[in-house]
Each structure stands twice: as structure tokens, then as C-alpha cells.
Amino acid sequence: MPEIKHNFIKGRMNKDLDERLVPNGEYRDALNIEVSTSEGSNVGSVQNLEGNLLVSSKDQNNNDFLADDTDSTGINRNASSVGSYADQSTKTIFNFIHKASDLVEDGTYGGRVRFTGVRSDVISTYKPTSTNSGITYPLVTDVYETRIAPTVLQAGQSGIIEGVPGIAYRTVNGVTLYAPKGIVPGMKVKLLGPDGFNYWFNQTVVVKSIQLGYSESDTKIITTIPKSGSLYFDAVNRDAGLVFQFTSDRILNFQEGVKEIESNAEGTPSSITPKDTIITGINYVNDILFYTDNLTEPKRIVLDRFLNTDGSYDVHSNVQRHSLWRSGAIEEDR
């Protein structure tokens, strides 16, 4: 059977005619192709493009990047992607993830559910290692809220919080040091009830420092001391479901938008629709990632400052540890 060849000068798809009758310069169907052109009108070519493929995603430590109920190193199942960008030159996909880590239910007290855990936004990178797998690296992690119910009670207002969850923080001379999970100096502190009431009222209490340890349980949080007579984390308040809430100004500030009902579809499905702070532009140039929401000043992120000095991955980077970076990693145009 003779092979049919055509030049696609017109660049027009014609599905009305049999493929044997399609005029020269047109085509019947196309799948995974790209028409590349030059500035002139008489030069162009059609080339193959790779199609989409569902791949397995592991982090830099070969753990699943999508977390299950017990895994704290990957994103939780309630996370939402609010933007993405694929850079063909480096074969890298950047994913902007809202609530990569989120609070979880932790008991019921007085008819109200208590929440503990870590909330964060993340920018991840994906680079393929083979046809159906690759490495997803949590490049930038912005932890903006943490709630903790310590296992160690306080005897009074000392400004020391012990018995908190720990997380691998960094390695020094081959020794792994741990830090309180989701806590960095400068975060504001509240003593919160299950109903969201702050028992320290309008006091300004902040984290002064964190004490690193050689194990997950060997860490401490040092805060400024609340006013005399203020509540502290004793047995009574523990049994009432109180937690320490730590918050900081958001850096990435991703928003998932609001749910809107689609009235023009059957079953009235709802979808997340970004509102006001939608990411309107993403670009990657010379190892710098740019993005903007068209409202606040554009952000630029110098990628290599979130890696080790030799360019390798930080093995301790995950969605529940605020990123460590060298100075100038995240900037705003002013």
C-alpha cells in the first residue's frame, strides 16, 4: 500500500475529508505534535512532542512525596496546586502547592475538635530520572502556622516549652541535629483553646530561640515570658484541650480561592476558583524563578540557595520544616 506524504504548508486541520482526499498542505488529524516557525512566513516544521505520562513521584530521600496518614515527609491529600510551570530546557516542573502540610484532628474537648500539626505552602521541583519516575524536591517550604500539645507540663510561666515533636533539621560533621517541628524564631505564640479562644488575650509572646537536640524528643522552644498570672500548660489546661499556636507572616502566601457552584452543569459540582490572589505569571530564567499574582510585587527565588553549596539536595528538606536558605534567596521588587 503506498505511503501518503503531505507538506503542511497551510497548517490547517481538515477532518471533513477522507485522508486520501485531503489536499496537500492540510492534515487529517494530529497527536503530540508542535508546529515550530521562524519570523518569516515561509519557514516552519512539525515535530513530535512527548505526551503526558503518569509517573511515580519520590522525594530526594526516595520516599513517596504524596503522604499517607502517618507519613510527614510528603504533601497531605488536602493540598491543592495553585500554579505550575514546566521548563523544557532543564526538564523541570515547578509546582506551587497550597497547604502542602495541614492541621489534623487531634481529639474532642468540650464538644469541639482540637487541631494540631503544621501548615505550610511549598514550591516543589520535579526532575525525571527515568521514563516513568523522577525526584520531587520541596525547594521552598513556608511554614506559617504550627499547633502543638506538649507531652511535658509546665510548672509555671518560664517561657520554656518542652516535649514537642521534633524534626531532622541539619547535619553537622556527620551528626544529625533535630529541631521543634514547624518552629522558627520570631513566630508569635498563643495559648489556644479548642474553640479558638486565645487565653493570653492581646499579649505579644514570641519565640526567642529554639534548642536543637540529638534526638526528636531532645528539643526545646524558648519564648518571651507572658504576664504574671497568665495561664500556662498544666494538667488542667492539657485536659481541656489547650494547645500552643505558633504563627508567622506568610512568605509565599498561596490562596486556594473560594468554592463556587457550577450552575451550568448537572449535579451542581463545585470547584476551587482563585480569587484576587491568583498567580498570573511564572517564569524561570538563569536559575531564578519569577512569579506574580498581579497584585503584590513580583517574587524572584534564587534556586541554588535552597540547595547545598555543592548543588546537591538538602536531605532534610520537607513540607514540615521551614526552608533554610542562604541570604537573598527570596526577594521582592521594591
Protein backbone atom coordinates (compact mmCIF):
# COMPACT_ATOMS: atom_id res chain seq x y z
CA MET A 1 0.00 0.00 0.00
CA PRO A 2 1.53 3.38 -0.95
CA GLU A 3 2.57 5.76 1.82
CA ILE A 4 0.76 9.08 1.86
CA LYS A 5 3.01 12.10 2.40
CA HIS A 6 1.97 15.73 2.67
CA ASN A 7 3.61 19.06 3.34
CA PHE A 8 1.55 21.02 5.86
CA ILE A 9 2.20 24.47 4.45
CA LYS A 10 -1.30 25.72 5.19
CA GLY A 11 -1.12 24.37 8.76
CA ARG A 12 -4.84 23.59 8.73
CA MET A 13 -6.65 20.52 10.03
CA ASN A 14 -9.34 19.11 7.75
CA LYS A 15 -11.45 16.38 9.37
CA ASP A 16 -14.25 16.56 6.80
CA LEU A 17 -12.49 14.61 4.06
CA ASP A 18 -11.10 11.10 3.84
CA GLU A 19 -7.36 11.09 4.44
CA ARG A 20 -6.80 10.08 0.83
CA LEU A 21 -8.62 13.20 -0.35
CA VAL A 22 -7.13 15.79 1.98
CA PRO A 23 -5.46 18.48 -0.19
CA ASN A 24 -1.73 18.96 0.01
CA GLY A 25 -0.91 21.50 2.71
CA GLU A 26 -3.62 20.27 5.11
CA TYR A 27 -3.78 17.34 7.51
CA ARG A 28 -6.49 15.00 8.78
CA ASP A 29 -5.51 14.53 12.43
CA ALA A 30 -2.60 15.23 14.75
CA LEU A 31 -1.44 13.95 18.12
CA ASN A 32 1.52 15.15 20.19
CA ILE A 33 2.97 17.47 17.60
CA GLU A 34 4.32 21.00 17.68
CA VAL A 35 4.46 23.38 14.75
CA SER A 36 7.61 25.48 15.07
CA THR A 37 8.01 28.57 12.93
CA SER A 38 10.52 31.34 12.32
CA GLU A 39 9.94 35.05 11.97
CA GLY A 40 9.44 34.58 8.27
CA SER A 41 6.14 33.31 6.88
CA ASN A 42 7.63 30.63 4.62
CA VAL A 43 9.61 28.55 7.15
CA GLY A 44 8.24 26.01 9.58
CA SER A 45 8.32 22.40 10.65
CA VAL A 46 6.26 19.84 12.51
CA GLN A 47 7.98 17.85 15.23
CA ASN A 48 6.93 15.21 17.69
CA LEU A 49 6.13 16.07 21.29
CA GLU A 50 6.07 13.67 24.20
CA GLY A 51 2.60 13.09 25.62
CA ASN A 52 1.59 13.14 29.26
CA LEU A 53 2.55 10.16 31.38
CA LEU A 54 1.53 9.29 34.93
CA VAL A 55 4.77 8.82 36.84
CA SER A 56 5.73 7.77 40.34
CA SER A 57 6.98 10.65 42.46
CA LYS A 58 9.68 10.16 45.07
CA ASP A 59 11.39 12.86 47.10
CA GLN A 60 15.14 13.31 47.36
CA ASN A 61 15.26 10.55 50.01
CA ASN A 62 13.28 8.07 47.86
CA ASN A 63 10.13 8.45 49.99
CA ASP A 64 6.69 8.95 48.45
CA PHE A 65 6.06 12.67 48.05
CA LEU A 66 2.31 12.12 48.48
CA ALA A 67 1.83 11.41 52.17
CA ASP A 68 -0.36 8.78 53.77
CA ASP A 69 -1.89 9.09 57.25
CA THR A 70 1.42 8.52 59.04
CA ASP A 71 3.97 9.97 56.63
CA SER A 72 5.08 13.51 57.50
CA THR A 73 7.62 13.99 54.71
CA GLY A 74 5.19 14.34 51.79
CA ILE A 75 2.25 16.58 50.96
CA ASN A 76 -1.10 15.81 52.55
CA ARG A 77 -4.09 14.72 50.49
CA ASN A 78 -5.95 18.01 51.04
CA ALA A 79 -3.24 20.04 49.33
CA SER A 80 -4.08 21.97 46.17
CA SER A 81 -1.86 23.11 43.33
CA VAL A 82 -2.37 26.82 42.65
CA GLY A 83 0.15 27.13 39.81
CA SER A 84 2.70 25.19 37.81
CA TYR A 85 5.38 25.82 35.22
CA ALA A 86 7.34 23.43 33.01
CA ASP A 87 10.80 24.48 31.85
CA GLN A 88 11.74 22.48 28.75
CA SER A 89 15.41 23.49 28.76
CA THR A 90 16.09 21.92 32.18
CA LYS A 91 13.30 19.30 32.09
CA THR A 92 11.96 20.69 35.36
CA ILE A 93 8.37 21.13 36.55
CA PHE A 94 7.71 23.73 39.25
CA ASN A 95 4.56 23.19 41.32
CA PHE A 96 3.07 25.80 43.66
CA ILE A 97 1.27 23.91 46.45
CA HIS A 98 -1.13 25.44 48.96
CA LYS A 99 -1.42 23.63 52.30
CA ALA A 100 1.23 21.08 51.39
CA SER A 101 1.06 20.29 55.10
CA ASP A 102 -2.07 20.97 57.14
CA LEU A 103 -3.53 20.64 60.62
CA VAL A 104 -5.13 17.35 61.62
CA GLU A 105 -7.87 16.46 64.09
CA ASP A 106 -6.46 15.58 67.48
CA GLY A 107 -9.27 14.70 69.86
CA THR A 108 -12.54 16.26 71.00
CA TYR A 109 -12.74 18.50 74.07
CA GLY A 110 -15.97 20.01 75.34
CA GLY A 111 -17.71 19.02 72.13
CA ARG A 112 -15.13 20.79 69.97
CA VAL A 113 -12.43 19.22 67.80
CA ARG A 114 -8.85 20.15 68.60
CA PHE A 115 -6.36 20.54 65.75
CA THR A 116 -2.60 20.12 65.88
CA GLY A 117 0.13 19.92 63.26
CA VAL A 118 1.86 22.14 60.73
CA ARG A 119 0.52 24.34 57.94
CA SER A 120 2.76 25.23 55.04
CA ASP A 121 2.91 26.35 51.43
CA VAL A 122 5.54 24.78 49.17
CA ILE A 123 7.19 25.29 45.81
CA SER A 124 8.40 21.89 44.61
CA THR A 125 10.55 20.89 41.66
CA TYR A 126 10.19 17.68 39.68
CA LYS A 127 13.02 16.28 37.56
CA PRO A 128 12.72 12.95 35.74
CA THR A 129 15.22 10.20 36.48
CA SER A 130 13.74 7.72 34.01
CA THR A 131 10.75 7.33 31.71
CA ASN A 132 8.21 6.79 34.50
CA SER A 133 9.80 8.19 37.66
CA GLY A 134 11.55 11.26 38.98
CA ILE A 135 12.54 13.26 42.05
CA THR A 136 10.15 15.78 43.60
CA TYR A 137 12.08 18.15 45.83
CA PRO A 138 10.39 20.56 48.28
CA LEU A 139 12.51 23.50 47.23
CA VAL A 140 10.82 26.27 49.24
CA THR A 141 8.75 25.48 52.34
CA ASP A 142 6.93 28.32 54.07
CA VAL A 143 5.62 27.14 57.45
CA TYR A 144 3.17 29.76 58.65
CA GLU A 145 1.23 28.01 61.44
CA THR A 146 2.01 25.23 63.91
CA ARG A 147 -0.11 23.91 66.77
CA ILE A 148 1.43 21.74 69.47
CA ALA A 149 0.11 19.90 72.54
CA PRO A 150 3.35 19.24 74.50
CA THR A 151 3.90 15.98 76.40
CA VAL A 152 5.77 17.82 79.15
CA LEU A 153 3.77 20.03 81.51
CA GLN A 154 4.88 23.47 82.66
CA ALA A 155 5.30 24.24 86.35
CA GLY A 156 4.81 27.96 85.74
CA GLN A 157 5.49 30.79 83.34
CA SER A 158 9.09 30.07 82.43
CA GLY A 159 8.99 30.70 78.70
CA ILE A 160 10.26 27.15 78.08
CA ILE A 161 8.15 24.65 76.12
CA GLU A 162 9.36 21.04 76.17
CA GLY A 163 8.02 17.70 74.98
CA VAL A 164 7.31 18.93 71.47
CA PRO A 165 7.51 16.99 68.17
CA GLY A 166 10.95 17.13 66.60
CA ILE A 167 12.17 17.02 63.02
CA ALA A 168 15.56 16.49 61.39
CA TYR A 169 16.96 19.98 60.91
CA ARG A 170 20.50 19.79 59.59
CA THR A 171 23.66 17.68 59.71
CA VAL A 172 26.90 19.00 61.24
CA ASN A 173 30.10 16.94 60.98
CA GLY A 174 28.07 13.83 60.18
CA VAL A 175 25.72 14.30 63.16
CA THR A 176 22.01 14.96 62.57
CA LEU A 177 20.53 17.69 64.74
CA TYR A 178 16.79 17.95 65.43
CA ALA A 179 14.58 20.99 65.94
CA PRO A 180 11.00 21.53 67.12
CA LYS A 181 8.78 20.67 64.15
CA GLY A 182 7.45 23.71 62.32
CA ILE A 183 9.00 26.26 64.68
CA VAL A 184 11.43 29.06 63.86
CA PRO A 185 12.49 32.07 65.97
CA GLY A 186 10.25 35.11 65.62
CA MET A 187 6.94 33.23 65.43
CA LYS A 188 4.11 34.65 67.54
CA VAL A 189 2.71 32.37 70.27
CA LYS A 190 -0.81 31.95 71.64
CA LEU A 191 -2.29 29.53 74.19
CA LEU A 192 -5.33 28.41 72.25
CA GLY A 193 -8.47 26.54 73.28
CA PRO A 194 -10.33 24.07 71.01
CA ASP A 195 -12.82 26.88 70.30
CA GLY A 196 -10.04 29.14 69.02
CA PHE A 197 -10.02 31.41 72.08
CA ASN A 198 -6.61 32.87 72.97
CA TYR A 199 -6.09 32.61 76.73
CA TRP A 200 -3.19 35.08 76.53
CA PHE A 201 -5.58 37.69 75.13
CA ASN A 202 -3.72 40.61 73.49
CA GLN A 203 -0.26 39.78 74.81
CA THR A 204 2.62 39.65 72.34
CA VAL A 205 4.58 36.47 73.02
CA VAL A 206 7.23 35.39 70.50
CA VAL A 207 9.71 32.57 70.03
CA LYS A 208 13.13 33.85 71.09
CA SER A 209 15.11 30.76 70.09
CA ILE A 210 14.91 27.02 69.54
CA GLN A 211 17.17 24.48 71.20
CA LEU A 212 18.45 21.79 68.87
CA GLY A 213 18.88 18.24 70.11
CA TYR A 214 20.44 14.93 69.13
CA SER A 215 17.01 13.24 69.03
CA GLU A 216 13.46 14.24 68.11
CA SER A 217 12.45 14.50 71.78
CA ASP A 218 15.55 16.41 72.88
CA THR A 219 14.43 19.85 71.69
CA LYS A 220 13.01 22.95 73.36
CA ILE A 221 11.23 26.17 72.43
CA ILE A 222 12.25 29.35 74.27
CA THR A 223 9.71 32.18 74.24
CA THR A 224 9.30 35.54 75.88
CA ILE A 225 7.51 35.14 79.22
CA PRO A 226 3.78 36.02 79.38
CA LYS A 227 2.50 38.38 82.04
CA SER A 228 2.38 37.19 85.62
CA GLY A 229 -0.85 35.38 86.37
CA SER A 230 -1.34 34.19 82.79
CA LEU A 231 -2.34 30.58 82.18
CA TYR A 232 0.33 28.02 81.36
CA PHE A 233 0.32 24.46 80.10
CA ASP A 234 -0.50 22.47 83.25
CA ALA A 235 -2.56 19.29 83.69
CA VAL A 236 -5.84 21.20 83.85
CA ASN A 237 -5.28 23.03 80.59
CA ARG A 238 -3.90 19.91 78.92
CA ASP A 239 -7.09 18.05 79.79
CA ALA A 240 -9.14 20.99 78.50
CA GLY A 241 -7.51 20.56 75.08
CA LEU A 242 -5.40 23.71 75.02
CA VAL A 243 -2.52 23.92 72.54
CA PHE A 244 0.27 26.33 71.73
CA GLN A 245 -0.29 28.07 68.41
CA PHE A 246 2.73 29.49 66.56
CA THR A 247 2.21 31.80 63.57
CA SER A 248 4.41 33.90 61.31
CA ASP A 249 3.94 36.26 58.39
CA ARG A 250 3.40 34.30 55.22
CA ILE A 251 6.09 34.45 52.56
CA LEU A 252 4.59 32.52 49.66
CA ASN A 253 1.01 33.38 50.68
CA PHE A 254 -0.73 30.98 48.31
CA GLN A 255 -4.53 31.09 48.30
CA GLU A 256 -6.85 28.31 47.17
CA GLY A 257 -9.73 30.68 46.38
CA VAL A 258 -13.40 30.06 47.12
CA LYS A 259 -15.72 27.24 46.14
CA GLU A 260 -18.26 28.19 43.53
CA ILE A 261 -21.23 26.14 42.37
CA GLU A 262 -21.23 25.45 38.64
CA SER A 263 -24.84 26.16 37.67
CA ASN A 264 -24.38 25.15 34.03
CA ALA A 265 -23.53 21.52 34.80
CA GLU A 266 -25.56 18.59 36.04
CA GLY A 267 -25.22 17.60 39.68
CA THR A 268 -24.14 21.14 40.73
CA PRO A 269 -20.46 20.26 41.16
CA SER A 270 -18.24 22.77 42.95
CA SER A 271 -14.73 23.81 42.05
CA ILE A 272 -11.97 25.88 43.64
CA THR A 273 -11.85 29.24 41.90
CA PRO A 274 -8.89 31.51 42.73
CA LYS A 275 -9.96 34.95 43.85
CA ASP A 276 -7.90 38.15 43.86
CA THR A 277 -4.55 36.43 44.56
CA ILE A 278 -4.42 34.05 41.60
CA ILE A 279 -0.89 33.50 40.29
CA THR A 280 -0.94 35.18 36.90
CA GLY A 281 2.63 34.67 35.70
CA ILE A 282 5.53 32.25 36.27
CA ASN A 283 8.88 32.21 34.51
CA TYR A 284 12.30 30.63 35.00
CA VAL A 285 15.47 32.33 33.76
CA ASN A 286 19.13 31.73 34.68
CA ASP A 287 18.37 29.66 37.80
CA ILE A 288 15.90 32.28 39.08
CA LEU A 289 12.18 31.57 39.40
CA PHE A 290 9.82 34.53 39.00
CA TYR A 291 6.10 34.66 39.79
CA THR A 292 3.42 37.24 40.43
CA ASP A 293 -0.25 37.41 41.38
CA ASN A 294 -0.67 40.78 39.61
CA LEU A 295 -1.50 42.44 42.94
CA THR A 296 1.63 42.25 45.10
CA GLU A 297 5.19 42.84 43.96
CA PRO A 298 6.69 40.04 41.82
CA LYS A 299 8.76 37.48 43.69
CA ARG A 300 12.05 36.08 42.49
CA ILE A 301 13.60 32.98 44.02
CA VAL A 302 17.25 32.10 43.53
CA LEU A 303 17.02 28.32 43.32
CA ASP A 304 20.59 27.29 44.14
CA ARG A 305 20.34 28.98 47.55
CA PHE A 306 17.86 26.31 48.61
CA LEU A 307 20.35 23.56 47.77
CA ASN A 308 23.59 22.55 49.41
CA THR A 309 26.65 24.57 48.47
CA ASP A 310 27.73 21.79 46.10
CA GLY A 311 24.35 21.88 44.33
CA SER A 312 23.03 18.66 45.87
CA TYR A 313 19.64 18.29 47.53
CA ASP A 314 19.17 19.10 51.22
CA VAL A 315 18.18 15.67 52.56
CA HIS A 316 16.33 17.24 55.50
CA SER A 317 14.12 19.50 53.38
CA ASN A 318 10.43 18.58 53.62
CA VAL A 319 6.99 20.17 53.83
CA GLN A 320 7.07 20.50 57.64
CA ARG A 321 10.47 22.16 58.05
CA HIS A 322 10.80 25.82 57.19
CA SER A 323 13.40 26.11 54.44
CA LEU A 324 16.96 27.01 55.28
CA TRP A 325 18.48 29.30 52.71
CA ARG A 326 21.47 31.47 52.15
CA SER A 327 20.89 35.22 52.26
CA GLY A 328 18.90 36.76 49.43
CA ALA A 329 17.04 33.63 48.35
CA ILE A 330 13.60 35.22 48.22
CA GLU A 331 13.29 38.83 47.20
CA GLU A 332 10.63 41.33 46.22
CA ASP A 333 10.97 44.19 43.77
CA ARG A 334 10.57 47.45 45.60
